[in-house]
Amino acid sequence: MQKLGPHKKRPEPKPRPTSAVVYDLVAHLHRQREFSLNTFGPGYSTSRILDHVRHELTEIEAAPKDLEEWIDLMMLAADGAWRAGYSPEQIAAMLDIKLTKNEQRDWPDWREADPNKAIEHIK
């Protein structure tokens, strides 16, 4: 975890009764949507979300091993998806659909790829 100094301590995560193996993603997305709507309002635009994404990317670049920063990025992606009109059920289903699609694609050998560039599937 990234050190924030004495004036900015991150609270330690509290253990939750569910394990990651049986965690209900759809229930989480419903909970996150309710929080986001109550906290940021219904008019939180795509521009605002993308601005926040850029901020999080900067934080990830500064602390690439900080899991919490990666999770912030995931939560912003989910927030953007529901604000674009998709339900938690549709978002969860698309995660599975997209992984299945990527598994069926042809990919170049990662050992021969530029380590600083994205690896794109073979078209």
Protein backbone atom coordinates (compact mmCIF):
# COMPACT_ATOMS: atom_id res chain seq x y z
CA MET A 1 0.00 0.00 0.00
CA GLN A 2 1.21 3.46 -0.86
CA LYS A 3 2.43 5.53 2.10
CA LEU A 4 0.54 8.78 2.41
CA GLY A 5 2.33 10.42 5.31
CA PRO A 6 1.08 11.06 8.85
CA HIS A 7 -1.61 13.55 7.83
CA LYS A 8 -3.30 11.28 5.26
CA LYS A 9 -3.75 7.77 6.55
CA ARG A 10 -5.85 5.33 4.59
CA PRO A 11 -8.10 3.27 6.81
CA GLU A 12 -7.39 -0.43 6.72
CA PRO A 13 -10.11 -2.33 4.87
CA LYS A 14 -12.55 -4.07 7.16
CA PRO A 15 -13.02 -7.79 6.57
CA ARG A 16 -16.29 -8.55 4.86
CA PRO A 17 -18.34 -11.66 5.45
CA THR A 18 -18.18 -12.70 1.78
CA SER A 19 -15.09 -14.12 0.15
CA ALA A 20 -13.78 -13.05 -3.25
CA VAL A 21 -14.72 -16.48 -4.59
CA VAL A 22 -18.45 -15.99 -3.97
CA TYR A 23 -18.63 -12.21 -4.13
CA ASP A 24 -21.83 -11.06 -5.83
CA LEU A 25 -20.68 -8.61 -8.51
CA VAL A 26 -24.21 -7.66 -9.53
CA ALA A 27 -25.15 -6.81 -5.92
CA HIS A 28 -21.93 -4.79 -5.66
CA LEU A 29 -22.78 -2.85 -8.82
CA HIS A 30 -26.28 -2.08 -7.51
CA ARG A 31 -24.74 -0.84 -4.24
CA GLN A 32 -22.11 1.20 -6.09
CA ARG A 33 -24.74 2.74 -8.37
CA GLU A 34 -26.82 3.82 -5.37
CA PHE A 35 -23.76 5.34 -3.67
CA SER A 36 -22.69 7.14 -6.84
CA LEU A 37 -26.14 8.52 -7.56
CA ASN A 38 -26.52 9.77 -3.97
CA THR A 39 -22.99 11.19 -3.82
CA PHE A 40 -22.42 12.60 -7.31
CA GLY A 41 -26.00 13.08 -8.52
CA PRO A 42 -27.74 12.04 -11.72
CA GLY A 43 -25.95 14.58 -13.90
CA TYR A 44 -22.40 13.31 -13.36
CA SER A 45 -21.25 13.46 -16.98
CA THR A 46 -18.96 11.30 -19.06
CA SER A 47 -16.53 14.23 -19.18
CA ARG A 48 -16.32 14.26 -15.39
CA ILE A 49 -15.81 10.51 -15.21
CA LEU A 50 -13.06 10.65 -17.84
CA ASP A 51 -11.40 13.51 -15.96
CA HIS A 52 -11.45 11.34 -12.84
CA VAL A 53 -10.07 8.38 -14.84
CA ARG A 54 -7.13 10.52 -15.98
CA HIS A 55 -6.50 11.48 -12.35
CA GLU A 56 -6.54 7.81 -11.31
CA LEU A 57 -4.18 6.86 -14.15
CA THR A 58 -1.69 9.42 -12.82
CA GLU A 59 -2.00 7.86 -9.37
CA ILE A 60 -1.46 4.37 -10.82
CA GLU A 61 1.64 5.57 -12.68
CA ALA A 62 2.99 6.91 -9.38
CA ALA A 63 2.14 3.73 -7.45
CA PRO A 64 1.60 0.85 -9.90
CA LYS A 65 1.44 -1.79 -7.16
CA ASP A 66 -1.32 -0.03 -5.19
CA LEU A 67 -4.36 -2.26 -5.57
CA GLU A 68 -6.70 0.42 -4.27
CA GLU A 69 -5.81 2.70 -7.20
CA TRP A 70 -6.55 -0.09 -9.69
CA ILE A 71 -9.90 -0.68 -7.98
CA ASP A 72 -10.69 3.04 -8.24
CA LEU A 73 -10.24 2.70 -12.01
CA MET A 74 -12.51 -0.35 -12.13
CA MET A 75 -15.20 1.45 -10.13
CA LEU A 76 -15.05 4.46 -12.45
CA ALA A 77 -15.48 2.17 -15.45
CA ALA A 78 -18.55 0.60 -13.85
CA ASP A 79 -19.89 4.05 -12.98
CA GLY A 80 -19.47 5.17 -16.57
CA ALA A 81 -21.24 2.06 -17.85
CA TRP A 82 -24.34 2.45 -15.68
CA ARG A 83 -24.49 6.16 -16.42
CA ALA A 84 -24.42 5.23 -20.13
CA GLY A 85 -27.64 3.29 -19.50
CA TYR A 86 -26.51 -0.23 -18.66
CA SER A 87 -27.82 -2.22 -15.71
CA PRO A 88 -25.56 -3.99 -13.22
CA GLU A 89 -26.71 -7.27 -14.76
CA GLN A 90 -25.71 -6.10 -18.25
CA ILE A 91 -22.32 -4.86 -17.01
CA ALA A 92 -21.56 -8.18 -15.28
CA ALA A 93 -22.70 -10.14 -18.35
CA MET A 94 -20.51 -8.03 -20.64
CA LEU A 95 -17.46 -8.78 -18.48
CA ASP A 96 -18.00 -12.46 -19.24
CA ILE A 97 -18.82 -11.87 -22.91
CA LYS A 98 -15.73 -9.70 -23.44
CA LEU A 99 -13.36 -12.16 -21.75
CA THR A 100 -14.80 -15.00 -23.86
CA LYS A 101 -14.33 -12.88 -27.00
CA ASN A 102 -10.71 -12.10 -26.07
CA GLU A 103 -10.01 -15.77 -25.33
CA GLN A 104 -11.12 -16.64 -28.87
CA ARG A 105 -8.88 -14.06 -30.55
CA ASP A 106 -5.37 -14.61 -31.83
CA TRP A 107 -2.67 -12.72 -29.93
CA PRO A 108 0.98 -12.10 -30.76
CA ASP A 109 3.66 -13.68 -28.57
CA TRP A 110 3.97 -11.40 -25.55
CA ARG A 111 7.69 -12.26 -25.27
CA GLU A 112 8.32 -10.47 -28.59
CA ALA A 113 6.21 -7.38 -27.81
CA ASP A 114 7.48 -3.94 -26.82
CA PRO A 115 7.20 -3.94 -22.99
CA ASN A 116 6.00 -0.32 -23.05
CA LYS A 117 3.25 -0.71 -25.63
CA ALA A 118 -0.17 -2.31 -25.58
CA ILE A 119 -0.46 -5.80 -27.02
CA GLU A 120 -3.25 -5.81 -29.60
CA HIS A 121 -4.99 -8.90 -30.91
CA ILE A 122 -4.22 -9.98 -34.46
CA LYS A 123 -6.88 -8.63 -36.81
